[in-house]
Amino acid sequence: RTVVNLFGKDGNCEDVSKWNLWQTTNALDTTNKVFGSSGTKVTLTNTLGNQYKLLSTLDNTKHYCLSGYIKNGNASPGARIYMNTTGGTGNVFNLTSFITDNIKFTRVSLKVKPSDWGTGYTIMEVGFQVSGTVGQYAYVDGLMLEEITQEQYDDPNFEPSPYVDSYACLQNPYIEVRHDNLVRNGNAEEGIAWWSVNKS
């Protein structure tokens, strides 16, 4: 089984230049992290702000799951992840509940289905949102966006895949023999009569 993080390596929050900002600033934080060397600290310049990506390569006929690790700093009411289509009509703003825990990181997730896109959308805004007052902040790491099946979307007990940086195999590869060897006696179990000695 292979899991693909549609953020690629950007989801590991090791490079703040890979993300767009709205009413926030962001900076690497080497203390508050889950994976790699750093997490990202996102600070408000207004009462609500986002760190996000605009994705035009998603298929609006498929299902997706967004997950991430959040630790609040001092933001009130807190921080969360979200997905929202831009333009078009009839979209649904998908978001998680606010995380207020400032002691440890909490993994949160949300799922979207094709009808959440509404009509006429080609771009999905996907990101991390902080709410509070100017100067308040929260931390995020391990953002992952993965394609899921309808069965996974419908499953109330569904859990997102373990975080991967770009992609990973979650099971060891194996070899399964399905055809006969075209060379008779390739395993030499029938004696030496099938083989010739090189006389050169």
C-alpha atoms as a PDB file:
ATOM      1  CA  ARG A   1       0.000   0.000   0.000  1.00  0.00           C
ATOM      2  CA  THR A   2       1.400   3.373  -1.016  1.00  0.00           C
ATOM      3  CA  VAL A   3       0.381   6.678   0.575  1.00  0.00           C
ATOM      4  CA  VAL A   4       0.934   9.919  -1.326  1.00  0.00           C
ATOM      5  CA  ASN A   5       0.976  13.303   0.396  1.00  0.00           C
ATOM      6  CA  LEU A   6      -0.355  15.711  -2.241  1.00  0.00           C
ATOM      7  CA  PHE A   7       1.543  18.547  -0.543  1.00  0.00           C
ATOM      8  CA  GLY A   8       4.766  16.738  -1.420  1.00  0.00           C
ATOM      9  CA  LYS A   9       7.597  17.690   0.894  1.00  0.00           C
ATOM     10  CA  ASP A  10       5.981  21.052   1.697  1.00  0.00           C
ATOM     11  CA  GLY A  11       3.767  19.398   4.303  1.00  0.00           C
ATOM     12  CA  ASN A  12       6.721  18.878   6.623  1.00  0.00           C
ATOM     13  CA  CYS A  13       6.736  22.632   7.354  1.00  0.00           C
ATOM     14  CA  GLU A  14      10.491  23.034   6.909  1.00  0.00           C
ATOM     15  CA  ASP A  15      10.264  25.935   4.421  1.00  0.00           C
ATOM     16  CA  VAL A  16       7.926  28.847   5.142  1.00  0.00           C
ATOM     17  CA  SER A  17       8.351  30.217   1.604  1.00  0.00           C
ATOM     18  CA  LYS A  18       6.254  27.342   0.232  1.00  0.00           C
ATOM     19  CA  TRP A  19       3.037  28.724   1.779  1.00  0.00           C
ATOM     20  CA  ASN A  20       0.795  31.710   1.054  1.00  0.00           C
ATOM     21  CA  LEU A  21      -0.204  34.035   3.886  1.00  0.00           C
ATOM     22  CA  TRP A  22      -3.335  36.045   4.654  1.00  0.00           C
ATOM     23  CA  GLN A  23      -3.265  38.356   7.671  1.00  0.00           C
ATOM     24  CA  THR A  24      -0.448  36.323   9.240  1.00  0.00           C
ATOM     25  CA  THR A  25       3.311  35.984   9.336  1.00  0.00           C
ATOM     26  CA  ASN A  26       5.093  32.658   9.624  1.00  0.00           C
ATOM     27  CA  ALA A  27       8.485  31.498  10.851  1.00  0.00           C
ATOM     28  CA  LEU A  28      10.259  28.219  11.462  1.00  0.00           C
ATOM     29  CA  ASP A  29      10.326  26.998  15.045  1.00  0.00           C
ATOM     30  CA  THR A  30      12.868  24.339  16.004  1.00  0.00           C
ATOM     31  CA  THR A  31      11.339  23.724  19.443  1.00  0.00           C
ATOM     32  CA  ASN A  32       7.669  23.244  18.584  1.00  0.00           C
ATOM     33  CA  LYS A  33       7.703  20.478  15.968  1.00  0.00           C
ATOM     34  CA  VAL A  34       6.577  16.912  15.304  1.00  0.00           C
ATOM     35  CA  PHE A  35       8.656  15.913  12.259  1.00  0.00           C
ATOM     36  CA  GLY A  36      12.035  16.925  10.892  1.00  0.00           C
ATOM     37  CA  SER A  37      13.960  19.904  12.212  1.00  0.00           C
ATOM     38  CA  SER A  38      11.185  22.474  12.498  1.00  0.00           C
ATOM     39  CA  GLY A  39       7.505  23.231  12.760  1.00  0.00           C
ATOM     40  CA  THR A  40       5.905  26.500  11.673  1.00  0.00           C
ATOM     41  CA  LYS A  41       4.803  29.301  13.986  1.00  0.00           C
ATOM     42  CA  VAL A  42       1.957  31.328  12.472  1.00  0.00           C
ATOM     43  CA  THR A  43       1.281  34.752  14.020  1.00  0.00           C
ATOM     44  CA  LEU A  44      -1.791  36.923  13.487  1.00  0.00           C
ATOM     45  CA  THR A  45      -1.622  40.443  12.027  1.00  0.00           C
ATOM     46  CA  ASN A  46      -5.419  40.716  12.351  1.00  0.00           C
ATOM     47  CA  THR A  47      -8.140  38.822  14.208  1.00  0.00           C
ATOM     48  CA  LEU A  48      -8.223  35.926  11.709  1.00  0.00           C
ATOM     49  CA  GLY A  49      -5.510  34.677   9.389  1.00  0.00           C
ATOM     50  CA  ASN A  50      -4.401  31.730   7.257  1.00  0.00           C
ATOM     51  CA  GLN A  51      -1.332  29.929   5.978  1.00  0.00           C
ATOM     52  CA  TYR A  52      -2.494  28.132   2.852  1.00  0.00           C
ATOM     53  CA  LYS A  53      -1.968  26.682  -0.619  1.00  0.00           C
ATOM     54  CA  LEU A  54      -4.140  27.033  -3.713  1.00  0.00           C
ATOM     55  CA  LEU A  55      -4.374  23.652  -5.442  1.00  0.00           C
ATOM     56  CA  SER A  56      -5.651  23.474  -9.012  1.00  0.00           C
ATOM     57  CA  THR A  57      -4.621  19.852  -9.611  1.00  0.00           C
ATOM     58  CA  LEU A  58      -7.249  18.190  -7.409  1.00  0.00           C
ATOM     59  CA  ASP A  59     -10.023  16.184  -9.070  1.00  0.00           C
ATOM     60  CA  ASN A  60     -13.441  17.482  -8.002  1.00  0.00           C
ATOM     61  CA  THR A  61     -14.956  14.037  -8.616  1.00  0.00           C
ATOM     62  CA  LYS A  62     -12.855  12.439  -5.871  1.00  0.00           C
ATOM     63  CA  HIS A  63     -12.698  12.371  -2.073  1.00  0.00           C
ATOM     64  CA  TYR A  64      -9.839  13.792  -0.003  1.00  0.00           C
ATOM     65  CA  CYS A  65      -8.649  13.889   3.591  1.00  0.00           C
ATOM     66  CA  LEU A  66      -6.638  16.755   5.075  1.00  0.00           C
ATOM     67  CA  SER A  67      -4.780  16.172   8.334  1.00  0.00           C
ATOM     68  CA  GLY A  68      -2.245  18.056  10.394  1.00  0.00           C
ATOM     69  CA  TYR A  69      -0.652  18.449  13.816  1.00  0.00           C
ATOM     70  CA  ILE A  70      -1.634  21.615  15.691  1.00  0.00           C
ATOM     71  CA  LYS A  71      -0.374  23.115  18.939  1.00  0.00           C
ATOM     72  CA  ASN A  72      -1.850  26.359  20.166  1.00  0.00           C
ATOM     73  CA  GLY A  73       0.393  29.126  21.406  1.00  0.00           C
ATOM     74  CA  ASN A  74      -1.758  31.823  22.960  1.00  0.00           C
ATOM     75  CA  ALA A  75      -4.478  32.276  20.332  1.00  0.00           C
ATOM     76  CA  SER A  76      -8.053  32.482  21.537  1.00  0.00           C
ATOM     77  CA  PRO A  77     -10.204  30.745  20.381  1.00  0.00           C
ATOM     78  CA  GLY A  78      -7.298  28.783  18.817  1.00  0.00           C
ATOM     79  CA  ALA A  79      -6.224  27.211  15.515  1.00  0.00           C
ATOM     80  CA  ARG A  80      -7.593  24.695  13.013  1.00  0.00           C
ATOM     81  CA  ILE A  81      -7.173  23.334   9.476  1.00  0.00           C
ATOM     82  CA  TYR A  82      -9.579  23.961   6.617  1.00  0.00           C
ATOM     83  CA  MET A  83     -10.405  23.386   2.955  1.00  0.00           C
ATOM     84  CA  ASN A  84     -12.420  25.828   0.868  1.00  0.00           C
ATOM     85  CA  THR A  85     -13.136  26.214  -2.845  1.00  0.00           C
ATOM     86  CA  THR A  86     -12.529  29.615  -4.410  1.00  0.00           C
ATOM     87  CA  GLY A  87     -14.891  31.115  -6.999  1.00  0.00           C
ATOM     88  CA  GLY A  88     -17.976  29.352  -8.358  1.00  0.00           C
ATOM     89  CA  THR A  89     -21.207  28.891  -6.410  1.00  0.00           C
ATOM     90  CA  GLY A  90     -22.553  26.658  -3.668  1.00  0.00           C
ATOM     91  CA  ASN A  91     -19.288  25.725  -2.013  1.00  0.00           C
ATOM     92  CA  VAL A  92     -18.992  24.331   1.511  1.00  0.00           C
ATOM     93  CA  PHE A  93     -16.312  25.682   3.859  1.00  0.00           C
ATOM     94  CA  ASN A  94     -14.831  22.597   5.539  1.00  0.00           C
ATOM     95  CA  LEU A  95     -12.959  23.099   8.790  1.00  0.00           C
ATOM     96  CA  THR A  96     -12.127  21.363  12.042  1.00  0.00           C
ATOM     97  CA  SER A  97     -12.876  22.523  15.566  1.00  0.00           C
ATOM     98  CA  PHE A  98     -10.421  24.935  17.179  1.00  0.00           C
ATOM     99  CA  ILE A  99      -7.469  23.397  19.004  1.00  0.00           C
ATOM    100  CA  THR A 100      -6.746  25.184  22.277  1.00  0.00           C
ATOM    101  CA  ASP A 101      -4.164  22.801  23.817  1.00  0.00           C
ATOM    102  CA  ASN A 102      -0.858  24.667  24.182  1.00  0.00           C
ATOM    103  CA  ILE A 103       0.993  21.788  25.860  1.00  0.00           C
ATOM    104  CA  LYS A 104       1.168  19.204  23.099  1.00  0.00           C
ATOM    105  CA  PHE A 105       0.441  18.758  19.391  1.00  0.00           C
ATOM    106  CA  THR A 106      -2.950  17.317  18.457  1.00  0.00           C
ATOM    107  CA  ARG A 107      -3.580  15.626  15.118  1.00  0.00           C
ATOM    108  CA  VAL A 108      -6.831  16.698  13.471  1.00  0.00           C
ATOM    109  CA  SER A 109      -8.402  15.780  10.148  1.00  0.00           C
ATOM    110  CA  LEU A 110     -11.319  16.542   7.876  1.00  0.00           C
ATOM    111  CA  LYS A 111     -12.767  14.919   4.765  1.00  0.00           C
ATOM    112  CA  VAL A 112     -14.261  16.435   1.619  1.00  0.00           C
ATOM    113  CA  LYS A 113     -16.547  14.848  -0.972  1.00  0.00           C
ATOM    114  CA  PRO A 114     -17.242  15.898  -4.586  1.00  0.00           C
ATOM    115  CA  SER A 115     -20.417  17.837  -3.736  1.00  0.00           C
ATOM    116  CA  ASP A 116     -18.425  20.035  -1.332  1.00  0.00           C
ATOM    117  CA  TRP A 117     -16.845  21.687  -4.362  1.00  0.00           C
ATOM    118  CA  GLY A 118     -20.089  23.314  -5.445  1.00  0.00           C
ATOM    119  CA  THR A 119     -20.427  24.417  -9.080  1.00  0.00           C
ATOM    120  CA  GLY A 120     -17.765  25.881 -11.305  1.00  0.00           C
ATOM    121  CA  TYR A 121     -14.779  25.427  -8.998  1.00  0.00           C
ATOM    122  CA  THR A 122     -11.306  24.518 -10.184  1.00  0.00           C
ATOM    123  CA  ILE A 123      -9.196  25.631  -7.200  1.00  0.00           C
ATOM    124  CA  MET A 124      -9.219  24.372  -3.616  1.00  0.00           C
ATOM    125  CA  GLU A 125      -7.732  26.510  -0.841  1.00  0.00           C
ATOM    126  CA  VAL A 126      -6.159  24.238   1.750  1.00  0.00           C
ATOM    127  CA  GLY A 127      -4.476  25.424   4.906  1.00  0.00           C
ATOM    128  CA  PHE A 128      -4.055  26.320   8.563  1.00  0.00           C
ATOM    129  CA  GLN A 129      -6.092  29.019  10.277  1.00  0.00           C
ATOM    130  CA  VAL A 130      -5.477  30.979  13.478  1.00  0.00           C
ATOM    131  CA  SER A 131      -8.116  33.079  15.234  1.00  0.00           C
ATOM    132  CA  GLY A 132      -7.621  35.578  18.059  1.00  0.00           C
ATOM    133  CA  THR A 133      -6.055  39.017  18.318  1.00  0.00           C
ATOM    134  CA  VAL A 134      -3.061  40.681  16.682  1.00  0.00           C
ATOM    135  CA  GLY A 135       0.194  39.094  17.839  1.00  0.00           C
ATOM    136  CA  GLN A 136      -1.322  35.803  18.989  1.00  0.00           C
ATOM    137  CA  TYR A 137       0.076  32.632  17.442  1.00  0.00           C
ATOM    138  CA  ALA A 138      -0.126  28.850  17.028  1.00  0.00           C
ATOM    139  CA  TYR A 139       2.059  26.068  15.616  1.00  0.00           C
ATOM    140  CA  VAL A 140       1.521  23.541  12.837  1.00  0.00           C
ATOM    141  CA  ASP A 141       3.478  20.580  11.455  1.00  0.00           C
ATOM    142  CA  GLY A 142       2.907  17.400   9.459  1.00  0.00           C
ATOM    143  CA  LEU A 143       0.258  18.671   7.062  1.00  0.00           C
ATOM    144  CA  MET A 144      -0.954  15.943   4.718  1.00  0.00           C
ATOM    145  CA  LEU A 145      -3.541  15.842   1.961  1.00  0.00           C
ATOM    146  CA  GLU A 146      -4.397  12.394   0.628  1.00  0.00           C
ATOM    147  CA  GLU A 147      -6.943  10.984  -1.779  1.00  0.00           C
ATOM    148  CA  ILE A 148      -9.384   8.570  -0.144  1.00  0.00           C
ATOM    149  CA  THR A 149     -12.172   6.309  -1.381  1.00  0.00           C
ATOM    150  CA  GLN A 150     -15.881   6.894  -0.927  1.00  0.00           C
ATOM    151  CA  GLU A 151     -15.927   3.952   1.493  1.00  0.00           C
ATOM    152  CA  GLN A 152     -13.288   5.670   3.618  1.00  0.00           C
ATOM    153  CA  TYR A 153     -15.224   8.923   3.472  1.00  0.00           C
ATOM    154  CA  ASP A 154     -18.412   7.153   4.623  1.00  0.00           C
ATOM    155  CA  ASP A 155     -16.614   5.293   7.425  1.00  0.00           C
ATOM    156  CA  PRO A 156     -17.180   7.184  10.713  1.00  0.00           C
ATOM    157  CA  ASN A 157     -14.146   5.401  12.202  1.00  0.00           C
ATOM    158  CA  PHE A 158     -11.788   6.337   9.381  1.00  0.00           C
ATOM    159  CA  GLU A 159      -8.349   7.528  10.480  1.00  0.00           C
ATOM    160  CA  PRO A 160      -5.964   9.347   8.138  1.00  0.00           C
ATOM    161  CA  SER A 161      -2.861   7.487   7.041  1.00  0.00           C
ATOM    162  CA  PRO A 162       0.346   7.968   9.010  1.00  0.00           C
ATOM    163  CA  TYR A 163       2.096  11.169   7.967  1.00  0.00           C
ATOM    164  CA  VAL A 164       4.442  10.724   5.028  1.00  0.00           C
ATOM    165  CA  ASP A 165       6.875  13.183   3.514  1.00  0.00           C
ATOM    166  CA  SER A 166       5.841  13.126  -0.161  1.00  0.00           C
ATOM    167  CA  TYR A 167       5.083   9.395  -0.436  1.00  0.00           C
ATOM    168  CA  ALA A 168       5.869   6.079   1.206  1.00  0.00           C
ATOM    169  CA  CYS A 169       5.095   2.371   1.062  1.00  0.00           C
ATOM    170  CA  LEU A 170       3.328   1.264   4.219  1.00  0.00           C
ATOM    171  CA  GLN A 171       3.846  -2.428   3.459  1.00  0.00           C
ATOM    172  CA  ASN A 172       7.006  -4.208   2.372  1.00  0.00           C
ATOM    173  CA  PRO A 173       7.044  -5.141  -1.327  1.00  0.00           C
ATOM    174  CA  TYR A 174       6.871  -8.812  -2.216  1.00  0.00           C
ATOM    175  CA  ILE A 175       7.263 -11.053  -5.270  1.00  0.00           C
ATOM    176  CA  GLU A 176       4.538 -13.423  -6.348  1.00  0.00           C
ATOM    177  CA  VAL A 177       5.274 -16.103  -8.976  1.00  0.00           C
ATOM    178  CA  ARG A 178       2.457 -16.256 -11.512  1.00  0.00           C
ATOM    179  CA  HIS A 179       4.038 -17.936 -14.580  1.00  0.00           C
ATOM    180  CA  ASP A 180       6.317 -20.845 -15.350  1.00  0.00           C
ATOM    181  CA  ASN A 181       9.932 -20.151 -16.101  1.00  0.00           C
ATOM    182  CA  LEU A 182      10.349 -20.261 -19.874  1.00  0.00           C
ATOM    183  CA  VAL A 183      13.723 -21.982 -19.365  1.00  0.00           C
ATOM    184  CA  ARG A 184      13.190 -25.658 -18.571  1.00  0.00           C
ATOM    185  CA  ASN A 185      14.838 -26.772 -15.348  1.00  0.00           C
ATOM    186  CA  GLY A 186      15.843 -23.259 -14.359  1.00  0.00           C
ATOM    187  CA  ASN A 187      16.107 -24.340 -10.737  1.00  0.00           C
ATOM    188  CA  ALA A 188      18.338 -27.306 -11.695  1.00  0.00           C
ATOM    189  CA  GLU A 189      16.093 -29.721  -9.830  1.00  0.00           C
ATOM    190  CA  GLU A 190      15.855 -32.070 -12.817  1.00  0.00           C
ATOM    191  CA  GLY A 191      19.542 -32.824 -13.034  1.00  0.00           C
ATOM    192  CA  ILE A 192      22.153 -31.583 -15.484  1.00  0.00           C
ATOM    193  CA  ALA A 193      20.768 -33.026 -18.705  1.00  0.00           C
ATOM    194  CA  TRP A 194      19.022 -29.801 -19.661  1.00  0.00           C
ATOM    195  CA  TRP A 195      22.219 -27.778 -19.509  1.00  0.00           C
ATOM    196  CA  SER A 196      25.258 -27.649 -21.796  1.00  0.00           C
ATOM    197  CA  VAL A 197      28.833 -26.889 -20.838  1.00  0.00           C
ATOM    198  CA  ASN A 198      30.485 -23.933 -22.581  1.00  0.00           C
ATOM    199  CA  LYS A 199      33.318 -25.466 -24.578  1.00  0.00           C
ATOM    200  CA  SER A 200      35.026 -22.228 -25.629  1.00  0.00           C
END
